[in-house]
Amino acid sequence: MATQKQRSAAKGNVKKAQAGAKRKQTLKNLPKSTKRALGREGTKVRRGVEKSRREYYEEARRLDIPGRSRMGKAELKRAVQRRRSR
C-alpha cells in the first residue's frame, strides 16, 4: 500500500503531465495553412485519390530507388515520378 507522501507525489506528477499535454497541443498550435493542408491530404487518402507513404515506398522498392527508407511521403512521390519519367 502506498504512503500518503507517495500518493501526494503521484497526484502531483499526474497534474504536471496533464498540464504539459494541455500546453503542447501540437495540432492546435500549427498555422492555419498547415492545418488546412493536412486536412486536405487526409481527405485525399481517405477517398483513395492519393497513395499512402507505404504504397509509394513499395513502388520505390520495386524501382530500386536508393535511400527510400529515409524518405518521407513527398520525397518518395517525387523520386518515383522522376524514375518513371526516365
PDB file of N, CA and C in Angstrom:
ATOM      1  N   MET A   1       0.841  -1.175   0.000  1.00  0.00           N
ATOM      2  CA  MET A   1       0.000   0.000   0.000  1.00  0.00           C
ATOM      3  C   MET A   1       0.891   1.245   0.000  1.00  0.00           C
ATOM      4  N   ALA A   2       0.500   2.237  -0.748  1.00  0.00           N
ATOM      5  CA  ALA A   2       1.292   3.465  -0.880  1.00  0.00           C
ATOM      6  C   ALA A   2       1.085   4.367   0.334  1.00  0.00           C
ATOM      7  N   THR A   3       2.149   5.071   0.691  1.00  0.00           N
ATOM      8  CA  THR A   3       2.057   6.022   1.801  1.00  0.00           C
ATOM      9  C   THR A   3       1.390   7.304   1.317  1.00  0.00           C
ATOM     10  N   GLN A   4       1.017   8.139   2.255  1.00  0.00           N
ATOM     11  CA  GLN A   4       0.394   9.425   1.924  1.00  0.00           C
ATOM     12  C   GLN A   4       1.341  10.275   1.074  1.00  0.00           C
ATOM     13  N   LYS A   5       2.628  10.238   1.406  1.00  0.00           N
ATOM     14  CA  LYS A   5       3.622  11.015   0.659  1.00  0.00           C
ATOM     15  C   LYS A   5       3.711  10.532  -0.792  1.00  0.00           C
ATOM     16  N   GLN A   6       3.663   9.205  -1.002  1.00  0.00           N
ATOM     17  CA  GLN A   6       3.718   8.648  -2.354  1.00  0.00           C
ATOM     18  C   GLN A   6       2.476   9.018  -3.165  1.00  0.00           C
ATOM     19  N   ARG A   7       1.313   8.938  -2.510  1.00  0.00           N
ATOM     20  CA  ARG A   7       0.060   9.316  -3.200  1.00  0.00           C
ATOM     21  C   ARG A   7       0.090  10.778  -3.606  1.00  0.00           C
ATOM     22  N   SER A   8       0.583  11.609  -2.710  1.00  0.00           N
ATOM     23  CA  SER A   8       0.671  13.042  -2.984  1.00  0.00           C
ATOM     24  C   SER A   8       1.615  13.313  -4.161  1.00  0.00           C
ATOM     25  N   ALA A   9       2.758  12.610  -4.168  1.00  0.00           N
ATOM     26  CA  ALA A   9       3.716  12.777  -5.261  1.00  0.00           C
ATOM     27  C   ALA A   9       3.117  12.303  -6.586  1.00  0.00           C
ATOM     28  N   ALA A  10       2.389  11.195  -6.558  1.00  0.00           N
ATOM     29  CA  ALA A  10       1.771  10.659  -7.773  1.00  0.00           C
ATOM     30  C   ALA A  10       0.731  11.635  -8.318  1.00  0.00           C
ATOM     31  N   LYS A  11      -0.070  12.213  -7.444  1.00  0.00           N
ATOM     32  CA  LYS A  11      -1.071  13.202  -7.880  1.00  0.00           C
ATOM     33  C   LYS A  11      -0.391  14.404  -8.535  1.00  0.00           C
ATOM     34  N   GLY A  12       0.710  14.843  -7.919  1.00  0.00           N
ATOM     35  CA  GLY A  12       1.455  15.966  -8.489  1.00  0.00           C
ATOM     36  C   GLY A  12       2.009  15.642  -9.874  1.00  0.00           C
ATOM     37  N   ASN A  13       2.511  14.420 -10.029  1.00  0.00           N
ATOM     38  CA  ASN A  13       3.045  14.003 -11.323  1.00  0.00           C
ATOM     39  C   ASN A  13       1.956  13.957 -12.388  1.00  0.00           C
ATOM     40  N   VAL A  14       0.787  13.465 -12.005  1.00  0.00           N
ATOM     41  CA  VAL A  14      -0.328  13.395 -12.955  1.00  0.00           C
ATOM     42  C   VAL A  14      -0.733  14.800 -13.372  1.00  0.00           C
ATOM     43  N   LYS A  15      -0.820  15.707 -12.422  1.00  0.00           N
ATOM     44  CA  LYS A  15      -1.203  17.085 -12.742  1.00  0.00           C
ATOM     45  C   LYS A  15      -0.174  17.745 -13.661  1.00  0.00           C
ATOM     46  N   LYS A  16       1.111  17.497 -13.401  1.00  0.00           N
ATOM     47  CA  LYS A  16       2.161  18.050 -14.262  1.00  0.00           C
ATOM     48  C   LYS A  16       2.040  17.497 -15.684  1.00  0.00           C
ATOM     49  N   ALA A  17       1.792  16.193 -15.794  1.00  0.00           N
ATOM     50  CA  ALA A  17       1.666  15.568 -17.117  1.00  0.00           C
ATOM     51  C   ALA A  17       0.460  16.134 -17.864  1.00  0.00           C
ATOM     52  N   GLN A  18      -0.659  16.300 -17.161  1.00  0.00           N
ATOM     53  CA  GLN A  18      -1.858  16.852 -17.789  1.00  0.00           C
ATOM     54  C   GLN A  18      -1.614  18.283 -18.256  1.00  0.00           C
ATOM     55  N   ALA A  19      -0.946  19.067 -17.426  1.00  0.00           N
ATOM     56  CA  ALA A  19      -0.667  20.457 -17.787  1.00  0.00           C
ATOM     57  C   ALA A  19       0.255  20.520 -19.007  1.00  0.00           C
ATOM     58  N   GLY A  20       1.259  19.633 -19.053  1.00  0.00           N
ATOM     59  CA  GLY A  20       2.170  19.600 -20.200  1.00  0.00           C
ATOM     60  C   GLY A  20       1.447  19.239 -21.481  1.00  0.00           C
ATOM     61  N   ALA A  21       0.561  18.236 -21.399  1.00  0.00           N
ATOM     62  CA  ALA A  21      -0.194  17.817 -22.582  1.00  0.00           C
ATOM     63  C   ALA A  21      -1.122  18.934 -23.044  1.00  0.00           C
ATOM     64  N   LYS A  22      -1.707  19.626 -22.102  1.00  0.00           N
ATOM     65  CA  LYS A  22      -2.624  20.720 -22.438  1.00  0.00           C
ATOM     66  C   LYS A  22      -1.861  21.876 -23.091  1.00  0.00           C
ATOM     67  N   ARG A  23      -0.662  22.137 -22.587  1.00  0.00           N
ATOM     68  CA  ARG A  23       0.158  23.232 -23.110  1.00  0.00           C
ATOM     69  C   ARG A  23       0.608  22.968 -24.538  1.00  0.00           C
ATOM     70  N   LYS A  24       1.012  21.737 -24.822  1.00  0.00           N
ATOM     71  CA  LYS A  24       1.591  21.444 -26.134  1.00  0.00           C
ATOM     72  C   LYS A  24       0.563  21.488 -27.246  1.00  0.00           C
ATOM     73  N   GLN A  25      -0.433  20.623 -27.207  1.00  0.00           N
ATOM     74  CA  GLN A  25      -1.484  20.567 -28.227  1.00  0.00           C
ATOM     75  C   GLN A  25      -0.947  20.952 -29.605  1.00  0.00           C
ATOM     76  N   THR A  26      -0.063  20.128 -30.110  1.00  0.00           N
ATOM     77  CA  THR A  26       0.701  20.459 -31.304  1.00  0.00           C
ATOM     78  C   THR A  26      -0.145  20.839 -32.511  1.00  0.00           C
ATOM     79  N   LEU A  27      -1.199  20.103 -32.810  1.00  0.00           N
ATOM     80  CA  LEU A  27      -2.021  20.441 -33.973  1.00  0.00           C
ATOM     81  C   LEU A  27      -2.686  21.800 -33.815  1.00  0.00           C
ATOM     82  N   LYS A  28      -3.100  22.075 -32.598  1.00  0.00           N
ATOM     83  CA  LYS A  28      -3.792  23.337 -32.340  1.00  0.00           C
ATOM     84  C   LYS A  28      -2.875  24.534 -32.580  1.00  0.00           C
ATOM     85  N   ASN A  29      -1.576  24.374 -32.354  1.00  0.00           N
ATOM     86  CA  ASN A  29      -0.641  25.483 -32.467  1.00  0.00           C
ATOM     87  C   ASN A  29      -0.047  25.657 -33.857  1.00  0.00           C
ATOM     88  N   LEU A  30      -0.411  24.780 -34.799  1.00  0.00           N
ATOM     89  CA  LEU A  30       0.113  24.912 -36.160  1.00  0.00           C
ATOM     90  C   LEU A  30      -0.558  26.082 -36.877  1.00  0.00           C
ATOM     91  N   PRO A  31       0.105  26.649 -37.872  1.00  0.00           N
ATOM     92  CA  PRO A  31      -0.518  27.715 -38.660  1.00  0.00           C
ATOM     93  C   PRO A  31      -1.750  27.184 -39.397  1.00  0.00           C
ATOM     94  N   LYS A  32      -2.681  28.066 -39.666  1.00  0.00           N
ATOM     95  CA  LYS A  32      -3.937  27.684 -40.300  1.00  0.00           C
ATOM     96  C   LYS A  32      -3.704  27.007 -41.648  1.00  0.00           C
ATOM     97  N   SER A  33      -2.748  27.533 -42.416  1.00  0.00           N
ATOM     98  CA  SER A  33      -2.485  26.965 -43.744  1.00  0.00           C
ATOM     99  C   SER A  33      -1.976  25.524 -43.639  1.00  0.00           C
ATOM    100  N   THR A  34      -1.164  25.242 -42.625  1.00  0.00           N
ATOM    101  CA  THR A  34      -0.643  23.894 -42.438  1.00  0.00           C
ATOM    102  C   THR A  34      -1.752  22.941 -42.031  1.00  0.00           C
ATOM    103  N   LYS A  35      -2.614  23.381 -41.118  1.00  0.00           N
ATOM    104  CA  LYS A  35      -3.741  22.548 -40.701  1.00  0.00           C
ATOM    105  C   LYS A  35      -4.635  22.237 -41.888  1.00  0.00           C
ATOM    106  N   ARG A  36      -4.873  23.243 -42.723  1.00  0.00           N
ATOM    107  CA  ARG A  36      -5.724  23.066 -43.904  1.00  0.00           C
ATOM    108  C   ARG A  36      -5.090  22.050 -44.849  1.00  0.00           C
ATOM    109  N   ALA A  37      -3.776  22.178 -45.065  1.00  0.00           N
ATOM    110  CA  ALA A  37      -3.068  21.260 -45.969  1.00  0.00           C
ATOM    111  C   ALA A  37      -3.114  19.827 -45.433  1.00  0.00           C
ATOM    112  N   LEU A  38      -2.943  19.670 -44.128  1.00  0.00           N
ATOM    113  CA  LEU A  38      -3.008  18.333 -43.534  1.00  0.00           C
ATOM    114  C   LEU A  38      -4.401  17.736 -43.708  1.00  0.00           C
ATOM    115  N   GLY A  39      -5.415  18.556 -43.529  1.00  0.00           N
ATOM    116  CA  GLY A  39      -6.786  18.089 -43.699  1.00  0.00           C
ATOM    117  C   GLY A  39      -7.063  17.655 -45.121  1.00  0.00           C
ATOM    118  N   ARG A  40      -6.576  18.439 -46.074  1.00  0.00           N
ATOM    119  CA  ARG A  40      -6.781  18.099 -47.489  1.00  0.00           C
ATOM    120  C   ARG A  40      -6.059  16.809 -47.844  1.00  0.00           C
ATOM    121  N   GLU A  41      -4.847  16.648 -47.334  1.00  0.00           N
ATOM    122  CA  GLU A  41      -4.084  15.433 -47.612  1.00  0.00           C
ATOM    123  C   GLU A  41      -4.792  14.211 -47.035  1.00  0.00           C
ATOM    124  N   GLY A  42      -5.297  14.357 -45.815  1.00  0.00           N
ATOM    125  CA  GLY A  42      -6.033  13.255 -45.191  1.00  0.00           C
ATOM    126  C   GLY A  42      -7.273  12.891 -45.974  1.00  0.00           C
ATOM    127  N   THR A  43      -7.956  13.885 -46.488  1.00  0.00           N
ATOM    128  CA  THR A  43      -9.159  13.646 -47.280  1.00  0.00           C
ATOM    129  C   THR A  43      -8.817  12.898 -48.565  1.00  0.00           C
ATOM    130  N   LYS A  44      -7.734  13.298 -49.218  1.00  0.00           N
ATOM    131  CA  LYS A  44      -7.312  12.614 -50.451  1.00  0.00           C
ATOM    132  C   LYS A  44      -7.040  11.143 -50.182  1.00  0.00           C
ATOM    133  N   VAL A  45      -6.350  10.873 -49.082  1.00  0.00           N
ATOM    134  CA  VAL A  45      -6.015   9.496 -48.750  1.00  0.00           C
ATOM    135  C   VAL A  45      -7.282   8.700 -48.458  1.00  0.00           C
ATOM    136  N   ARG A  46      -8.206   9.279 -47.702  1.00  0.00           N
ATOM    137  CA  ARG A  46      -9.454   8.589 -47.376  1.00  0.00           C
ATOM    138  C   ARG A  46     -10.263   8.284 -48.634  1.00  0.00           C
ATOM    139  N   ARG A  47     -10.264   9.206 -49.581  1.00  0.00           N
ATOM    140  CA  ARG A  47     -11.018   8.999 -50.817  1.00  0.00           C
ATOM    141  C   ARG A  47     -10.303   8.054 -51.774  1.00  0.00           C
ATOM    142  N   GLY A  48      -9.042   7.796 -51.513  1.00  0.00           N
ATOM    143  CA  GLY A  48      -8.284   6.908 -52.380  1.00  0.00           C
ATOM    144  C   GLY A  48      -7.680   7.619 -53.574  1.00  0.00           C
ATOM    145  N   VAL A  49      -7.693   8.952 -53.573  1.00  0.00           N
ATOM    146  CA  VAL A  49      -7.139   9.722 -54.675  1.00  0.00           C
ATOM    147  C   VAL A  49      -5.624   9.640 -54.667  1.00  0.00           C
ATOM    148  N   GLU A  50      -5.034   9.728 -53.494  1.00  0.00           N
ATOM    149  CA  GLU A  50      -3.584   9.724 -53.389  1.00  0.00           C
ATOM    150  C   GLU A  50      -3.126   8.476 -52.636  1.00  0.00           C
ATOM    151  N   LYS A  51      -1.971   7.972 -53.023  1.00  0.00           N
ATOM    152  CA  LYS A  51      -1.418   6.791 -52.373  1.00  0.00           C
ATOM    153  C   LYS A  51      -0.885   7.138 -50.992  1.00  0.00           C
ATOM    154  N   SER A  52      -0.739   6.130 -50.159  1.00  0.00           N
ATOM    155  CA  SER A  52      -0.144   6.328 -48.842  1.00  0.00           C
ATOM    156  C   SER A  52       1.376   6.248 -48.962  1.00  0.00           C
ATOM    157  N   ARG A  53       2.070   6.618 -47.893  1.00  0.00           N
ATOM    158  CA  ARG A  53       3.530   6.550 -47.892  1.00  0.00           C
ATOM    159  C   ARG A  53       3.989   5.119 -48.122  1.00  0.00           C
ATOM    160  N   ARG A  54       3.288   4.190 -47.495  1.00  0.00           N
ATOM    161  CA  ARG A  54       3.661   2.783 -47.638  1.00  0.00           C
ATOM    162  C   ARG A  54       3.572   2.341 -49.101  1.00  0.00           C
ATOM    163  N   GLU A  55       2.533   2.782 -49.806  1.00  0.00           N
ATOM    164  CA  GLU A  55       2.389   2.420 -51.219  1.00  0.00           C
ATOM    165  C   GLU A  55       3.510   3.023 -52.062  1.00  0.00           C
ATOM    166  N   TYR A  56       3.848   4.293 -51.794  1.00  0.00           N
ATOM    167  CA  TYR A  56       4.963   4.911 -52.510  1.00  0.00           C
ATOM    168  C   TYR A  56       6.270   4.196 -52.190  1.00  0.00           C
ATOM    169  N   TYR A  57       6.437   3.794 -50.934  1.00  0.00           N
ATOM    170  CA  TYR A  57       7.643   3.087 -50.529  1.00  0.00           C
ATOM    171  C   TYR A  57       7.769   1.760 -51.282  1.00  0.00           C
ATOM    172  N   GLU A  58       6.675   1.001 -51.354  1.00  0.00           N
ATOM    173  CA  GLU A  58       6.695  -0.276 -52.061  1.00  0.00           C
ATOM    174  C   GLU A  58       7.050  -0.084 -53.538  1.00  0.00           C
ATOM    175  N   GLU A  59       6.494   0.957 -54.146  1.00  0.00           N
ATOM    176  CA  GLU A  59       6.806   1.234 -55.543  1.00  0.00           C
ATOM    177  C   GLU A  59       8.271   1.635 -55.702  1.00  0.00           C
ATOM    178  N   ALA A  60       8.782   2.418 -54.757  1.00  0.00           N
ATOM    179  CA  ALA A  60      10.193   2.820 -54.791  1.00  0.00           C
ATOM    180  C   ALA A  60      11.089   1.598 -54.647  1.00  0.00           C
ATOM    181  N   ARG A  61      10.650   0.646 -53.850  1.00  0.00           N
ATOM    182  CA  ARG A  61      11.429  -0.580 -53.681  1.00  0.00           C
ATOM    183  C   ARG A  61      11.458  -1.371 -54.986  1.00  0.00           C
ATOM    184  N   ARG A  62      10.298  -1.449 -55.655  1.00  0.00           N
ATOM    185  CA  ARG A  62      10.252  -2.147 -56.946  1.00  0.00           C
ATOM    186  C   ARG A  62      11.151  -1.466 -57.980  1.00  0.00           C
ATOM    187  N   LEU A  63      11.205  -0.113 -57.903  1.00  0.00           N
ATOM    188  CA  LEU A  63      12.023   0.640 -58.849  1.00  0.00           C
ATOM    189  C   LEU A  63      13.485   0.732 -58.403  1.00  0.00           C
ATOM    190  N   ASP A  64      13.792   0.172 -57.224  1.00  0.00           N
ATOM    191  CA  ASP A  64      15.142   0.143 -56.668  1.00  0.00           C
ATOM    192  C   ASP A  64      15.726   1.551 -56.496  1.00  0.00           C
ATOM    193  N   ILE A  65      14.979   2.415 -55.815  1.00  0.00           N
ATOM    194  CA  ILE A  65      15.415   3.790 -55.556  1.00  0.00           C
ATOM    195  C   ILE A  65      16.241   3.796 -54.270  1.00  0.00           C
ATOM    196  N   PRO A  66      17.487   4.268 -54.326  1.00  0.00           N
ATOM    197  CA  PRO A  66      18.332   4.268 -53.131  1.00  0.00           C
ATOM    198  C   PRO A  66      17.887   5.332 -52.115  1.00  0.00           C
ATOM    199  N   GLY A  67      18.046   5.021 -50.830  1.00  0.00           N
ATOM    200  CA  GLY A  67      17.715   5.966 -49.767  1.00  0.00           C
ATOM    201  C   GLY A  67      16.243   6.065 -49.472  1.00  0.00           C
ATOM    202  N   ARG A  68      15.439   5.145 -49.992  1.00  0.00           N
ATOM    203  CA  ARG A  68      13.988   5.239 -49.857  1.00  0.00           C
ATOM    204  C   ARG A  68      13.508   5.111 -48.410  1.00  0.00           C
ATOM    205  N   SER A  69      14.236   4.381 -47.575  1.00  0.00           N
ATOM    206  CA  SER A  69      13.783   4.169 -46.203  1.00  0.00           C
ATOM    207  C   SER A  69      13.843   5.453 -45.378  1.00  0.00           C
ATOM    208  N   ARG A  70      14.686   6.399 -45.785  1.00  0.00           N
ATOM    209  CA  ARG A  70      14.816   7.660 -45.044  1.00  0.00           C
ATOM    210  C   ARG A  70      13.918   8.760 -45.605  1.00  0.00           C
ATOM    211  N   MET A  71      13.212   8.461 -46.684  1.00  0.00           N
ATOM    212  CA  MET A  71      12.404   9.489 -47.338  1.00  0.00           C
ATOM    213  C   MET A  71      11.015   9.569 -46.734  1.00  0.00           C
ATOM    214  N   GLY A  72      10.469  10.772 -46.754  1.00  0.00           N
ATOM    215  CA  GLY A  72       9.084  10.979 -46.368  1.00  0.00           C
ATOM    216  C   GLY A  72       8.187  10.742 -47.570  1.00  0.00           C
ATOM    217  N   LYS A  73       6.902  10.926 -47.378  1.00  0.00           N
ATOM    218  CA  LYS A  73       5.941  10.664 -48.437  1.00  0.00           C
ATOM    219  C   LYS A  73       6.186  11.533 -49.668  1.00  0.00           C
ATOM    220  N   ALA A  74       6.371  12.826 -49.458  1.00  0.00           N
ATOM    221  CA  ALA A  74       6.554  13.741 -50.587  1.00  0.00           C
ATOM    222  C   ALA A  74       7.828  13.410 -51.357  1.00  0.00           C
ATOM    223  N   GLU A  75       8.897  13.080 -50.628  1.00  0.00           N
ATOM    224  CA  GLU A  75      10.166  12.734 -51.292  1.00  0.00           C
ATOM    225  C   GLU A  75      10.029  11.446 -52.095  1.00  0.00           C
ATOM    226  N   LEU A  76       9.343  10.457 -51.502  1.00  0.00           N
ATOM    227  CA  LEU A  76       9.129   9.199 -52.217  1.00  0.00           C
ATOM    228  C   LEU A  76       8.320   9.435 -53.489  1.00  0.00           C
ATOM    229  N   LYS A  77       7.292  10.257 -53.370  1.00  0.00           N
ATOM    230  CA  LYS A  77       6.432  10.549 -54.522  1.00  0.00           C
ATOM    231  C   LYS A  77       7.250  11.175 -55.651  1.00  0.00           C
ATOM    232  N   ARG A  78       8.095  12.166 -55.311  1.00  0.00           N
ATOM    233  CA  ARG A  78       8.938  12.818 -56.327  1.00  0.00           C
ATOM    234  C   ARG A  78       9.932  11.835 -56.941  1.00  0.00           C
ATOM    235  N   ALA A  79      10.552  11.022 -56.092  1.00  0.00           N
ATOM    236  CA  ALA A  79      11.553  10.067 -56.582  1.00  0.00           C
ATOM    237  C   ALA A  79      10.913   9.048 -57.527  1.00  0.00           C
ATOM    238  N   VAL A  80       9.735   8.572 -57.186  1.00  0.00           N
ATOM    239  CA  VAL A  80       9.040   7.606 -58.037  1.00  0.00           C
ATOM    240  C   VAL A  80       8.662   8.268 -59.366  1.00  0.00           C
ATOM    241  N   GLN A  81       8.157   9.484 -59.301  1.00  0.00           N
ATOM    242  CA  GLN A  81       7.784  10.181 -60.530  1.00  0.00           C
ATOM    243  C   GLN A  81       9.000  10.435 -61.419  1.00  0.00           C
ATOM    244  N   ARG A  82      10.127  10.824 -60.812  1.00  0.00           N
ATOM    245  CA  ARG A  82      11.353  11.051 -61.592  1.00  0.00           C
ATOM    246  C   ARG A  82      11.823   9.756 -62.258  1.00  0.00           C
ATOM    247  N   ARG A  83      11.779   8.654 -61.510  1.00  0.00           N
ATOM    248  CA  ARG A  83      12.250   7.382 -62.041  1.00  0.00           C
ATOM    249  C   ARG A  83      11.337   6.913 -63.178  1.00  0.00           C
ATOM    250  N   ARG A  84      10.040   7.128 -63.043  1.00  0.00           N
ATOM    251  CA  ARG A  84       9.092   6.730 -64.088  1.00  0.00           C
ATOM    252  C   ARG A  84       9.285   7.529 -65.363  1.00  0.00           C
ATOM    253  N   SER A  85       9.622   8.813 -65.236  1.00  0.00           N
ATOM    254  CA  SER A  85       9.715   9.677 -66.408  1.00  0.00           C
ATOM    255  C   SER A  85      10.980   9.438 -67.227  1.00  0.00           C
ATOM    256  N   ARG A  86      11.864   8.633 -66.734  1.00  0.00           N
ATOM    257  CA  ARG A  86      13.121   8.343 -67.465  1.00  0.00           C
ATOM    258  C   ARG A  86      12.867   7.539 -68.714  1.00  0.00           C
TER     259      ARG A  86
END
